[in-house]
Amino acid sequence: MQGSHRNNFNFCSYFLGLFLLIDLCSPRFELRVEAGPLPLTHHMSSLHQTISTLGLSSSAAHVYLAGLELGAASVLELARKSKVKRTTIYGVLEELKARNLFETTKKGVKERLIMAAPERLVLLEKERLANLEKVLPDLKAIWNEPAEKPKVRYLEGLAGWEELQSEILTSKQPYLHISGSQKFFLQQIGQAKMISLLKSKDAAGIKRKVLVSHDFSTKNILGKTPDTLGEYRFLPDNQQVETQLYLYNGNRTAFFSPEPEIMIVIVENAAIYQLQEALFNTLWQKSTIIT
């Protein structure tokens, strides 16, 4: 009898284990893992960054991109795909709605959202630019434009002197020049080059007023210069100098000294130019006409 009960128990245990195994293998017990949206690829990250520059918040850009991928989607689907919290997505949708970036449709009783075509983003940017252009005159009217900052350049040696003269020739405008003594310039530049330069200025039709020192070297070169457009005067006796000054192009002042080598400082500034021009004209009035 006891053996019979033991056999019945084993038989029942066998079938009970078999039923449990069948249940576990059935679809009802299938393990399902719902994958969330994958991290942004480099390409999607680049798209997100570009859209954000159009005035959309980061979250709005995420939702818009998610909507483009999903097509017609529910708010919940957009939240899951974009990883924007359900508690904040309605505010994000208001932001997109204000820019007409989606429309709603119904499928049965369910409401679906469809994002606007990407061309809408281009229209948005054009609208922003058009609005900015409308107010640009008003913005310029209240702009406190900063004063011009002087631009300073340094030139050295014979190459620097030639660059300065090239600028004067290119401008083709009258200029003012305090020449000072020619002694050191004749040593470093040479009389032939200086005479050739003056001929070039005459050929370009460049008029100039030149104040020179009253010394032998200067008188000597003036007597050998075929200068037709230059007007020369001697500096006042108490203003004899060996440095030089050029005022040219309407806003450039070039100061330079010939010793121990030619060193030139060019200041590009209208106010400084006007001051030096006034000083030049004062000296010009006190100078002696060369006959």
C-alpha atoms as a PDB file:
ATOM      1  CA  MET A   1       0.000   0.000   0.000  1.00  0.00           C
ATOM      2  CA  GLN A   2       2.729   2.360   0.893  1.00  0.00           C
ATOM      3  CA  GLY A   3       4.496   1.558  -2.384  1.00  0.00           C
ATOM      4  CA  SER A   4       1.323   2.378  -4.256  1.00  0.00           C
ATOM      5  CA  HIS A   5       1.090   5.827  -2.595  1.00  0.00           C
ATOM      6  CA  ARG A   6       4.765   6.484  -3.343  1.00  0.00           C
ATOM      7  CA  ASN A   7       4.256   5.661  -7.016  1.00  0.00           C
ATOM      8  CA  ASN A   8       1.185   7.913  -7.242  1.00  0.00           C
ATOM      9  CA  PHE A   9       3.144  10.806  -5.678  1.00  0.00           C
ATOM     10  CA  ASN A  10       6.036  10.401  -8.105  1.00  0.00           C
ATOM     11  CA  PHE A  11       3.601  10.220 -11.011  1.00  0.00           C
ATOM     12  CA  CYS A  12       1.829  13.408  -9.928  1.00  0.00           C
ATOM     13  CA  SER A  13       5.150  15.210  -9.344  1.00  0.00           C
ATOM     14  CA  TYR A  14       6.280  14.267 -12.816  1.00  0.00           C
ATOM     15  CA  PHE A  15       3.195  15.668 -14.492  1.00  0.00           C
ATOM     16  CA  LEU A  16       3.213  18.792 -12.310  1.00  0.00           C
ATOM     17  CA  GLY A  17       6.829  19.516 -13.350  1.00  0.00           C
ATOM     18  CA  LEU A  18       5.915  18.882 -16.982  1.00  0.00           C
ATOM     19  CA  PHE A  19       3.010  21.351 -16.851  1.00  0.00           C
ATOM     20  CA  LEU A  20       5.202  24.010 -15.245  1.00  0.00           C
ATOM     21  CA  LEU A  21       7.854  23.545 -17.945  1.00  0.00           C
ATOM     22  CA  ILE A  22       5.236  23.919 -20.676  1.00  0.00           C
ATOM     23  CA  ASP A  23       3.901  27.092 -19.049  1.00  0.00           C
ATOM     24  CA  LEU A  24       7.334  28.617 -18.775  1.00  0.00           C
ATOM     25  CA  CYS A  25       8.041  27.933 -22.448  1.00  0.00           C
ATOM     26  CA  SER A  26       4.743  29.363 -23.608  1.00  0.00           C
ATOM     27  CA  PRO A  27       4.586  32.943 -25.127  1.00  0.00           C
ATOM     28  CA  ARG A  28       2.724  34.081 -22.033  1.00  0.00           C
ATOM     29  CA  PHE A  29       6.034  33.931 -20.101  1.00  0.00           C
ATOM     30  CA  GLU A  30       8.228  35.407 -22.840  1.00  0.00           C
ATOM     31  CA  LEU A  31      10.718  37.905 -21.375  1.00  0.00           C
ATOM     32  CA  ARG A  32      10.248  41.295 -23.107  1.00  0.00           C
ATOM     33  CA  VAL A  33      12.655  44.243 -22.785  1.00  0.00           C
ATOM     34  CA  GLU A  34      11.349  47.479 -24.233  1.00  0.00           C
ATOM     35  CA  ALA A  35      14.355  49.320 -25.558  1.00  0.00           C
ATOM     36  CA  GLY A  36      14.420  53.100 -25.118  1.00  0.00           C
ATOM     37  CA  PRO A  37      15.588  55.486 -27.846  1.00  0.00           C
ATOM     38  CA  LEU A  38      19.194  55.021 -28.790  1.00  0.00           C
ATOM     39  CA  PRO A  39      21.714  57.762 -27.989  1.00  0.00           C
ATOM     40  CA  LEU A  40      22.076  60.457 -30.656  1.00  0.00           C
ATOM     41  CA  THR A  41      24.442  59.539 -33.439  1.00  0.00           C
ATOM     42  CA  HIS A  42      27.044  62.075 -34.502  1.00  0.00           C
ATOM     43  CA  HIS A  43      24.862  63.011 -37.477  1.00  0.00           C
ATOM     44  CA  MET A  44      21.743  63.491 -35.334  1.00  0.00           C
ATOM     45  CA  SER A  45      23.744  65.457 -32.794  1.00  0.00           C
ATOM     46  CA  SER A  46      24.887  67.781 -35.571  1.00  0.00           C
ATOM     47  CA  LEU A  47      21.296  68.235 -36.773  1.00  0.00           C
ATOM     48  CA  HIS A  48      20.163  68.972 -33.214  1.00  0.00           C
ATOM     49  CA  GLN A  49      22.880  71.589 -32.768  1.00  0.00           C
ATOM     50  CA  THR A  50      21.974  73.305 -36.057  1.00  0.00           C
ATOM     51  CA  ILE A  51      18.257  73.424 -35.275  1.00  0.00           C
ATOM     52  CA  SER A  52      18.993  74.839 -31.819  1.00  0.00           C
ATOM     53  CA  THR A  53      20.688  77.850 -33.450  1.00  0.00           C
ATOM     54  CA  LEU A  54      17.359  78.786 -35.067  1.00  0.00           C
ATOM     55  CA  GLY A  55      16.003  79.988 -31.754  1.00  0.00           C
ATOM     56  CA  LEU A  56      14.573  76.682 -30.509  1.00  0.00           C
ATOM     57  CA  SER A  57      15.370  75.306 -27.080  1.00  0.00           C
ATOM     58  CA  SER A  58      17.379  72.100 -26.863  1.00  0.00           C
ATOM     59  CA  SER A  59      14.293  70.130 -25.794  1.00  0.00           C
ATOM     60  CA  ALA A  60      12.217  71.544 -28.647  1.00  0.00           C
ATOM     61  CA  ALA A  61      14.913  70.531 -31.131  1.00  0.00           C
ATOM     62  CA  HIS A  62      14.907  66.987 -29.699  1.00  0.00           C
ATOM     63  CA  VAL A  63      11.106  66.699 -29.958  1.00  0.00           C
ATOM     64  CA  TYR A  64      11.060  68.093 -33.495  1.00  0.00           C
ATOM     65  CA  LEU A  65      13.686  65.598 -34.683  1.00  0.00           C
ATOM     66  CA  ALA A  66      11.864  62.761 -32.928  1.00  0.00           C
ATOM     67  CA  GLY A  67       8.632  63.786 -34.647  1.00  0.00           C
ATOM     68  CA  LEU A  68      10.311  63.812 -38.063  1.00  0.00           C
ATOM     69  CA  GLU A  69      11.433  60.209 -37.489  1.00  0.00           C
ATOM     70  CA  LEU A  70       8.139  58.946 -36.071  1.00  0.00           C
ATOM     71  CA  GLY A  71       5.756  60.627 -38.472  1.00  0.00           C
ATOM     72  CA  ALA A  72       2.293  60.835 -36.871  1.00  0.00           C
ATOM     73  CA  ALA A  73       2.892  60.252 -33.169  1.00  0.00           C
ATOM     74  CA  SER A  74       1.214  60.663 -29.810  1.00  0.00           C
ATOM     75  CA  VAL A  75       2.557  62.939 -27.093  1.00  0.00           C
ATOM     76  CA  LEU A  76       3.668  59.876 -25.151  1.00  0.00           C
ATOM     77  CA  GLU A  77       5.551  58.483 -28.154  1.00  0.00           C
ATOM     78  CA  LEU A  78       7.267  61.824 -28.712  1.00  0.00           C
ATOM     79  CA  ALA A  79       8.284  61.959 -25.057  1.00  0.00           C
ATOM     80  CA  ARG A  80       9.763  58.477 -25.194  1.00  0.00           C
ATOM     81  CA  LYS A  81      11.578  58.995 -28.483  1.00  0.00           C
ATOM     82  CA  SER A  82      12.998  62.408 -27.609  1.00  0.00           C
ATOM     83  CA  LYS A  83      13.727  61.500 -23.955  1.00  0.00           C
ATOM     84  CA  VAL A  84      11.951  64.683 -22.887  1.00  0.00           C
ATOM     85  CA  LYS A  85      10.086  64.217 -19.603  1.00  0.00           C
ATOM     86  CA  ARG A  86       6.334  63.857 -19.888  1.00  0.00           C
ATOM     87  CA  THR A  87       5.967  66.566 -17.237  1.00  0.00           C
ATOM     88  CA  THR A  88       7.692  69.135 -19.456  1.00  0.00           C
ATOM     89  CA  ILE A  89       6.858  68.029 -23.001  1.00  0.00           C
ATOM     90  CA  TYR A  90       3.596  70.012 -23.109  1.00  0.00           C
ATOM     91  CA  GLY A  91       5.527  73.223 -22.569  1.00  0.00           C
ATOM     92  CA  VAL A  92       7.931  72.180 -25.329  1.00  0.00           C
ATOM     93  CA  LEU A  93       5.003  71.501 -27.663  1.00  0.00           C
ATOM     94  CA  GLU A  94       3.690  75.015 -26.969  1.00  0.00           C
ATOM     95  CA  GLU A  95       7.058  76.353 -28.080  1.00  0.00           C
ATOM     96  CA  LEU A  96       6.875  74.362 -31.329  1.00  0.00           C
ATOM     97  CA  LYS A  97       3.243  75.350 -31.862  1.00  0.00           C
ATOM     98  CA  ALA A  98       4.106  79.053 -31.578  1.00  0.00           C
ATOM     99  CA  ARG A  99       6.364  78.572 -34.604  1.00  0.00           C
ATOM    100  CA  ASN A 100       3.854  76.440 -36.517  1.00  0.00           C
ATOM    101  CA  LEU A 101       6.226  73.482 -36.435  1.00  0.00           C
ATOM    102  CA  PHE A 102       3.567  70.796 -36.084  1.00  0.00           C
ATOM    103  CA  GLU A 103      -0.097  70.103 -36.760  1.00  0.00           C
ATOM    104  CA  THR A 104      -2.522  67.718 -35.074  1.00  0.00           C
ATOM    105  CA  THR A 105      -4.700  65.032 -36.588  1.00  0.00           C
ATOM    106  CA  LYS A 106      -7.001  62.392 -35.144  1.00  0.00           C
ATOM    107  CA  LYS A 107      -6.990  58.679 -35.784  1.00  0.00           C
ATOM    108  CA  GLY A 108     -10.186  57.490 -34.210  1.00  0.00           C
ATOM    109  CA  VAL A 109     -10.282  59.007 -30.759  1.00  0.00           C
ATOM    110  CA  LYS A 110      -6.486  59.355 -30.502  1.00  0.00           C
ATOM    111  CA  GLU A 111      -4.782  62.652 -31.293  1.00  0.00           C
ATOM    112  CA  ARG A 112      -1.592  62.506 -33.342  1.00  0.00           C
ATOM    113  CA  LEU A 113       1.043  65.155 -33.937  1.00  0.00           C
ATOM    114  CA  ILE A 114       2.793  65.592 -37.268  1.00  0.00           C
ATOM    115  CA  MET A 115       5.917  67.789 -37.470  1.00  0.00           C
ATOM    116  CA  ALA A 116       6.151  70.425 -40.204  1.00  0.00           C
ATOM    117  CA  ALA A 117       8.419  69.747 -43.174  1.00  0.00           C
ATOM    118  CA  PRO A 118      12.063  70.866 -42.704  1.00  0.00           C
ATOM    119  CA  GLU A 119      11.505  73.662 -45.247  1.00  0.00           C
ATOM    120  CA  ARG A 120       9.524  75.407 -42.514  1.00  0.00           C
ATOM    121  CA  LEU A 121      12.792  75.915 -40.630  1.00  0.00           C
ATOM    122  CA  VAL A 122      14.227  77.785 -43.607  1.00  0.00           C
ATOM    123  CA  LEU A 123      11.167  80.050 -43.699  1.00  0.00           C
ATOM    124  CA  LEU A 124      11.540  80.704 -39.976  1.00  0.00           C
ATOM    125  CA  GLU A 125      15.149  81.819 -40.418  1.00  0.00           C
ATOM    126  CA  LYS A 126      14.192  84.086 -43.334  1.00  0.00           C
ATOM    127  CA  GLU A 127      11.477  85.661 -41.203  1.00  0.00           C
ATOM    128  CA  ARG A 128      13.940  86.279 -38.395  1.00  0.00           C
ATOM    129  CA  LEU A 129      16.400  87.909 -40.802  1.00  0.00           C
ATOM    130  CA  ALA A 130      13.673  90.060 -42.354  1.00  0.00           C
ATOM    131  CA  ASN A 131      12.587  91.279 -38.911  1.00  0.00           C
ATOM    132  CA  LEU A 132      16.168  92.116 -38.006  1.00  0.00           C
ATOM    133  CA  GLU A 133      16.663  94.091 -41.227  1.00  0.00           C
ATOM    134  CA  LYS A 134      13.519  96.113 -40.435  1.00  0.00           C
ATOM    135  CA  VAL A 135      14.899  97.298 -37.103  1.00  0.00           C
ATOM    136  CA  LEU A 136      18.511  97.685 -38.288  1.00  0.00           C
ATOM    137  CA  PRO A 137      18.150 101.461 -38.971  1.00  0.00           C
ATOM    138  CA  ASP A 138      16.802 101.947 -35.437  1.00  0.00           C
ATOM    139  CA  LEU A 139      19.644  99.922 -33.948  1.00  0.00           C
ATOM    140  CA  LYS A 140      22.219 101.969 -35.856  1.00  0.00           C
ATOM    141  CA  ALA A 141      20.518 105.182 -34.721  1.00  0.00           C
ATOM    142  CA  ILE A 142      21.128 104.338 -31.055  1.00  0.00           C
ATOM    143  CA  TRP A 143      24.571 102.795 -31.610  1.00  0.00           C
ATOM    144  CA  ASN A 144      27.287 104.691 -29.786  1.00  0.00           C
ATOM    145  CA  GLU A 145      29.970 104.083 -32.391  1.00  0.00           C
ATOM    146  CA  PRO A 146      33.433 103.874 -30.843  1.00  0.00           C
ATOM    147  CA  ALA A 147      35.981 106.447 -31.860  1.00  0.00           C
ATOM    148  CA  GLU A 148      38.532 105.447 -34.447  1.00  0.00           C
ATOM    149  CA  LYS A 149      41.531 103.776 -32.884  1.00  0.00           C
ATOM    150  CA  PRO A 150      44.871 104.754 -34.375  1.00  0.00           C
ATOM    151  CA  LYS A 151      46.547 102.069 -36.446  1.00  0.00           C
ATOM    152  CA  VAL A 152      50.298 102.042 -36.017  1.00  0.00           C
ATOM    153  CA  ARG A 153      52.862 100.402 -38.302  1.00  0.00           C
ATOM    154  CA  TYR A 154      56.644 100.247 -38.224  1.00  0.00           C
ATOM    155  CA  LEU A 155      58.895 100.188 -41.295  1.00  0.00           C
ATOM    156  CA  GLU A 156      62.662  99.874 -41.364  1.00  0.00           C
ATOM    157  CA  GLY A 157      65.563 100.493 -43.712  1.00  0.00           C
ATOM    158  CA  LEU A 158      65.546 101.210 -47.428  1.00  0.00           C
ATOM    159  CA  ALA A 159      62.737  98.677 -48.000  1.00  0.00           C
ATOM    160  CA  GLY A 160      60.552 100.520 -45.489  1.00  0.00           C
ATOM    161  CA  TRP A 161      61.242 103.862 -47.154  1.00  0.00           C
ATOM    162  CA  GLU A 162      60.351 102.413 -50.561  1.00  0.00           C
ATOM    163  CA  GLU A 163      57.090 100.968 -49.156  1.00  0.00           C
ATOM    164  CA  LEU A 164      56.128 104.391 -47.815  1.00  0.00           C
ATOM    165  CA  GLN A 165      56.846 106.082 -51.144  1.00  0.00           C
ATOM    166  CA  SER A 166      54.825 103.402 -52.933  1.00  0.00           C
ATOM    167  CA  GLU A 167      51.825 104.198 -50.723  1.00  0.00           C
ATOM    168  CA  ILE A 168      52.136 107.886 -51.550  1.00  0.00           C
ATOM    169  CA  LEU A 169      52.365 107.156 -55.287  1.00  0.00           C
ATOM    170  CA  THR A 170      49.384 104.801 -55.138  1.00  0.00           C
ATOM    171  CA  SER A 171      47.212 107.374 -53.362  1.00  0.00           C
ATOM    172  CA  LYS A 172      47.832 109.915 -56.199  1.00  0.00           C
ATOM    173  CA  GLN A 173      46.842 112.658 -53.753  1.00  0.00           C
ATOM    174  CA  PRO A 174      48.675 115.838 -52.749  1.00  0.00           C
ATOM    175  CA  TYR A 175      50.792 115.471 -49.620  1.00  0.00           C
ATOM    176  CA  LEU A 176      52.747 117.573 -47.119  1.00  0.00           C
ATOM    177  CA  HIS A 177      56.360 116.863 -46.265  1.00  0.00           C
ATOM    178  CA  ILE A 178      58.832 118.182 -43.736  1.00  0.00           C
ATOM    179  CA  SER A 179      62.025 117.046 -45.351  1.00  0.00           C
ATOM    180  CA  GLY A 180      64.617 118.370 -42.933  1.00  0.00           C
ATOM    181  CA  SER A 181      68.266 117.841 -43.799  1.00  0.00           C
ATOM    182  CA  GLN A 182      69.029 115.605 -46.784  1.00  0.00           C
ATOM    183  CA  LYS A 183      72.517 114.692 -45.561  1.00  0.00           C
ATOM    184  CA  PHE A 184      71.749 111.269 -44.079  1.00  0.00           C
ATOM    185  CA  PHE A 185      69.098 110.404 -46.653  1.00  0.00           C
ATOM    186  CA  LEU A 186      71.552 111.020 -49.447  1.00  0.00           C
ATOM    187  CA  GLN A 187      73.954 108.635 -47.709  1.00  0.00           C
ATOM    188  CA  GLN A 188      71.426 105.823 -47.240  1.00  0.00           C
ATOM    189  CA  ILE A 189      69.182 106.231 -50.287  1.00  0.00           C
ATOM    190  CA  GLY A 190      71.318 107.948 -52.856  1.00  0.00           C
ATOM    191  CA  GLN A 191      70.727 110.998 -55.004  1.00  0.00           C
ATOM    192  CA  ALA A 192      69.813 109.060 -58.162  1.00  0.00           C
ATOM    193  CA  LYS A 193      67.013 107.136 -56.427  1.00  0.00           C
ATOM    194  CA  MET A 194      65.608 110.290 -54.859  1.00  0.00           C
ATOM    195  CA  ILE A 195      65.557 112.145 -58.170  1.00  0.00           C
ATOM    196  CA  SER A 196      63.919 109.151 -59.877  1.00  0.00           C
ATOM    197  CA  LEU A 197      61.210 109.106 -57.206  1.00  0.00           C
ATOM    198  CA  LEU A 198      60.413 112.794 -57.702  1.00  0.00           C
ATOM    199  CA  LYS A 199      60.079 112.211 -61.445  1.00  0.00           C
ATOM    200  CA  SER A 200      57.623 109.394 -60.744  1.00  0.00           C
ATOM    201  CA  LYS A 201      55.538 111.688 -58.546  1.00  0.00           C
ATOM    202  CA  ASP A 202      55.504 114.338 -61.259  1.00  0.00           C
ATOM    203  CA  ALA A 203      54.403 111.729 -63.804  1.00  0.00           C
ATOM    204  CA  ALA A 204      51.577 110.670 -61.452  1.00  0.00           C
ATOM    205  CA  GLY A 205      50.457 114.292 -61.099  1.00  0.00           C
ATOM    206  CA  ILE A 206      51.071 114.381 -57.333  1.00  0.00           C
ATOM    207  CA  LYS A 207      51.422 117.883 -55.945  1.00  0.00           C
ATOM    208  CA  ARG A 208      53.271 118.445 -52.664  1.00  0.00           C
ATOM    209  CA  LYS A 209      54.372 121.129 -50.264  1.00  0.00           C
ATOM    210  CA  VAL A 210      57.811 120.519 -48.825  1.00  0.00           C
ATOM    211  CA  LEU A 211      59.588 122.236 -45.944  1.00  0.00           C
ATOM    212  CA  VAL A 212      63.354 121.697 -46.005  1.00  0.00           C
ATOM    213  CA  SER A 213      66.294 122.589 -43.803  1.00  0.00           C
ATOM    214  CA  HIS A 214      68.551 125.439 -44.810  1.00  0.00           C
ATOM    215  CA  ASP A 215      71.816 123.493 -45.230  1.00  0.00           C
ATOM    216  CA  PHE A 216      74.347 122.696 -47.993  1.00  0.00           C
ATOM    217  CA  SER A 217      73.180 119.089 -48.698  1.00  0.00           C
ATOM    218  CA  THR A 218      69.570 120.174 -49.150  1.00  0.00           C
ATOM    219  CA  LYS A 219      70.430 123.141 -51.365  1.00  0.00           C
ATOM    220  CA  ASN A 220      72.631 120.921 -53.497  1.00  0.00           C
ATOM    221  CA  ILE A 221      69.956 118.317 -54.277  1.00  0.00           C
ATOM    222  CA  LEU A 222      67.255 120.950 -54.813  1.00  0.00           C
ATOM    223  CA  GLY A 223      69.365 122.501 -57.518  1.00  0.00           C
ATOM    224  CA  LYS A 224      69.604 119.158 -59.350  1.00  0.00           C
ATOM    225  CA  THR A 225      65.968 118.086 -59.019  1.00  0.00           C
ATOM    226  CA  PRO A 226      63.684 118.430 -62.060  1.00  0.00           C
ATOM    227  CA  ASP A 227      60.689 119.009 -59.798  1.00  0.00           C
ATOM    228  CA  THR A 228      57.658 120.598 -61.492  1.00  0.00           C
ATOM    229  CA  LEU A 229      54.815 119.901 -59.026  1.00  0.00           C
ATOM    230  CA  GLY A 230      56.624 120.421 -55.737  1.00  0.00           C
ATOM    231  CA  GLU A 231      56.452 123.715 -53.842  1.00  0.00           C
ATOM    232  CA  TYR A 232      59.478 124.137 -51.555  1.00  0.00           C
ATOM    233  CA  ARG A 233      60.203 126.439 -48.645  1.00  0.00           C
ATOM    234  CA  PHE A 234      62.983 126.692 -46.080  1.00  0.00           C
ATOM    235  CA  LEU A 235      62.073 125.973 -42.486  1.00  0.00           C
ATOM    236  CA  PRO A 236      62.428 128.908 -40.035  1.00  0.00           C
ATOM    237  CA  ASP A 237      65.984 129.227 -38.746  1.00  0.00           C
ATOM    238  CA  ASN A 238      64.985 128.068 -35.244  1.00  0.00           C
ATOM    239  CA  GLN A 239      63.201 124.976 -36.613  1.00  0.00           C
ATOM    240  CA  GLN A 240      66.013 123.194 -38.458  1.00  0.00           C
ATOM    241  CA  VAL A 241      65.527 119.418 -38.173  1.00  0.00           C
ATOM    242  CA  GLU A 242      67.102 116.214 -39.452  1.00  0.00           C
ATOM    243  CA  THR A 243      64.023 114.001 -39.069  1.00  0.00           C
ATOM    244  CA  GLN A 244      61.263 113.785 -41.640  1.00  0.00           C
ATOM    245  CA  LEU A 245      57.471 113.882 -41.654  1.00  0.00           C
ATOM    246  CA  TYR A 246      54.936 112.908 -44.321  1.00  0.00           C
ATOM    247  CA  LEU A 247      51.223 113.753 -44.218  1.00  0.00           C
ATOM    248  CA  TYR A 248      49.394 111.819 -46.945  1.00  0.00           C
ATOM    249  CA  ASN A 249      46.229 109.959 -47.916  1.00  0.00           C
ATOM    250  CA  GLY A 250      44.098 112.277 -45.777  1.00  0.00           C
ATOM    251  CA  ASN A 251      44.681 110.343 -42.542  1.00  0.00           C
ATOM    252  CA  ARG A 252      48.242 108.992 -42.426  1.00  0.00           C
ATOM    253  CA  THR A 253      51.180 110.546 -40.641  1.00  0.00           C
ATOM    254  CA  ALA A 254      54.645 109.078 -41.139  1.00  0.00           C
ATOM    255  CA  PHE A 255      57.387 110.044 -38.660  1.00  0.00           C
ATOM    256  CA  PHE A 256      60.877 108.816 -39.282  1.00  0.00           C
ATOM    257  CA  SER A 257      64.510 109.297 -38.516  1.00  0.00           C
ATOM    258  CA  PRO A 258      67.497 108.387 -40.714  1.00  0.00           C
ATOM    259  CA  GLU A 259      69.965 107.513 -37.936  1.00  0.00           C
ATOM    260  CA  PRO A 260      71.500 105.058 -37.243  1.00  0.00           C
ATOM    261  CA  GLU A 261      69.262 103.568 -39.938  1.00  0.00           C
ATOM    262  CA  ILE A 262      65.936 104.561 -41.384  1.00  0.00           C
ATOM    263  CA  MET A 263      63.143 103.919 -38.884  1.00  0.00           C
ATOM    264  CA  ILE A 264      59.548 104.870 -39.828  1.00  0.00           C
ATOM    265  CA  VAL A 265      56.406 104.980 -37.694  1.00  0.00           C
ATOM    266  CA  ILE A 266      53.114 105.366 -39.607  1.00  0.00           C
ATOM    267  CA  VAL A 267      50.027 106.395 -37.637  1.00  0.00           C
ATOM    268  CA  GLU A 268      46.686 106.034 -39.409  1.00  0.00           C
ATOM    269  CA  ASN A 269      44.248 108.332 -37.620  1.00  0.00           C
ATOM    270  CA  ALA A 270      42.293 111.355 -38.874  1.00  0.00           C
ATOM    271  CA  ALA A 271      42.578 113.371 -35.634  1.00  0.00           C
ATOM    272  CA  ILE A 272      46.365 112.967 -35.422  1.00  0.00           C
ATOM    273  CA  TYR A 273      46.645 113.829 -39.119  1.00  0.00           C
ATOM    274  CA  GLN A 274      44.643 117.038 -38.636  1.00  0.00           C
ATOM    275  CA  LEU A 275      46.811 118.127 -35.706  1.00  0.00           C
ATOM    276  CA  GLN A 276      50.031 117.600 -37.661  1.00  0.00           C
ATOM    277  CA  GLU A 277      48.513 119.346 -40.671  1.00  0.00           C
ATOM    278  CA  ALA A 278      47.748 122.416 -38.533  1.00  0.00           C
ATOM    279  CA  LEU A 279      51.325 122.463 -37.210  1.00  0.00           C
ATOM    280  CA  PHE A 280      52.670 122.108 -40.742  1.00  0.00           C
ATOM    281  CA  ASN A 281      50.574 125.035 -41.974  1.00  0.00           C
ATOM    282  CA  THR A 282      51.842 127.182 -39.083  1.00  0.00           C
ATOM    283  CA  LEU A 283      55.440 126.428 -40.071  1.00  0.00           C
ATOM    284  CA  TRP A 284      54.588 127.001 -43.713  1.00  0.00           C
ATOM    285  CA  GLN A 285      53.385 130.515 -42.953  1.00  0.00           C
ATOM    286  CA  LYS A 286      56.656 131.264 -41.109  1.00  0.00           C
ATOM    287  CA  SER A 287      58.877 129.668 -43.719  1.00  0.00           C
ATOM    288  CA  THR A 288      61.013 131.297 -46.434  1.00  0.00           C
ATOM    289  CA  ILE A 289      60.085 130.917 -50.090  1.00  0.00           C
ATOM    290  CA  ILE A 290      62.912 129.370 -52.120  1.00  0.00           C
ATOM    291  CA  THR A 291      63.707 131.404 -55.209  1.00  0.00           C
END
